[in-house]
Amino acid sequence: MTNETLIFGHRGYPAKFPENSLNGFQYAIDHHADGLEFDVHLTKDNVPVIMHDEKINRTTNGHGRIHDYTYEQLQAFHLSNGETVPKLKDLLSLAANQPIYLNLEFKTNKIHYPNIERIVLDMVHQYHLVYPVIYSSFSLQTLKDAYKVSPNEQYCLLANHPLLHPRELMIDAHLAGLHLNHYQPLRNIKERIWTIDDPSTERKLLADHVAGIITDNFELANDVKKSVLV
């Protein structure tokens, strides 16, 4: 629970733009999303890029695993709006000096990219961001490895099942919060809940002051938030 519930655009603004596209991210920044949630993989030449899946099949006109292409080779493929797969540094450039929270997911639950933690953290530290980045992953080991690289960060575990001993887990792994696809009423633990697009559910979560709502339609969620605050 927290004082204010922040609204995060899940993969940018997929209700209006291709997911994890720079156009979607820019729109969300310009139209006052509290935060952006997005996913990071590494290319064959260790360039951090933004995409949800480990393969490009679903969201581009190409096929295959991201890690089998160099970044230059990846530029041959396009999202449905004609954009190429964005680099992490492209989004960091958009977000620099802007009042926007970033929730960066290390996408390592299917493929573990060697040294992704240091590569990503070193890159993020090169940019002037208004708020500290929130790092998340389904891989507890990734979060522990990231903590070894840079301990003064916010690391949050993603989970799609109820957690039996969340406090002990958080202490053991130096976690700052939990990102769940269900709501567990936990006192004094920052919970961000995904992916919530139903206004009635959003109202309940806002009433309980969860730390964040991660949604495909941040503008709708913002309207719900305003109505609750009136």
Foldseek 3Di string as FASTA:
>chain_A
DDDAAAEEAEQQAVVPDQRVDPVSNLVCLVVDHQAYEWEWDAALVGFIWTDQDQWCVPFKPDTDGRNDHHPVRQQVIAGPVRHTTGTPVVSLVSQAPGNYEYEYEYEPPVPNDPPNLVSVVVSNVVGHHPDAHAYEYCDLVSLLVNCVVPVPGAYEYEDADDDDDVVVSCVVSVHQAYEYCDDDDDPPGAYEHDADDDLVVLLVCRVSNHHYHHYSHSVVSVVSNVVSVD
